[in-house]
């Protein structure tokens, strides 16, 4: 009975994978790729199951599913981010930049190497694994 149950489970998983591939094919034909990326990221943020025994495993489970589209998705949510970063850079003058929640370093990338180097110190504070 155990062998039959395992075979049935494997068959169901294979059918599920094929259906998912067919659904992706249809969605790619209907929607622009950018929309699909955002839908996938939104799903990963809101509904993707978080697994893991340790804090590190749970964080990796949560963020790995959304990593590929995270910065682009956040860019649309955080209106005015570029302007804010430019204003921070304009006031650098050897000061200290503390970037709260800056785990992907997108803000530093947006500012550019020369601008970042104009600060005396830069700290990126984020969840740690």
Foldseek 3Di string as FASTA:
>chain_A
DVVVVVVVVVVVVVVVVVVVVVVVVVCVVPDPPVVVLLVQLVCLQPPQDQDDDDPVSRVCSSCVSNVVCVVVNVPVVDPCLLVVLVVCLVPQQQAEAEAEQCVVVVSVVSNDDVSVVNHVYYHYHHDDD
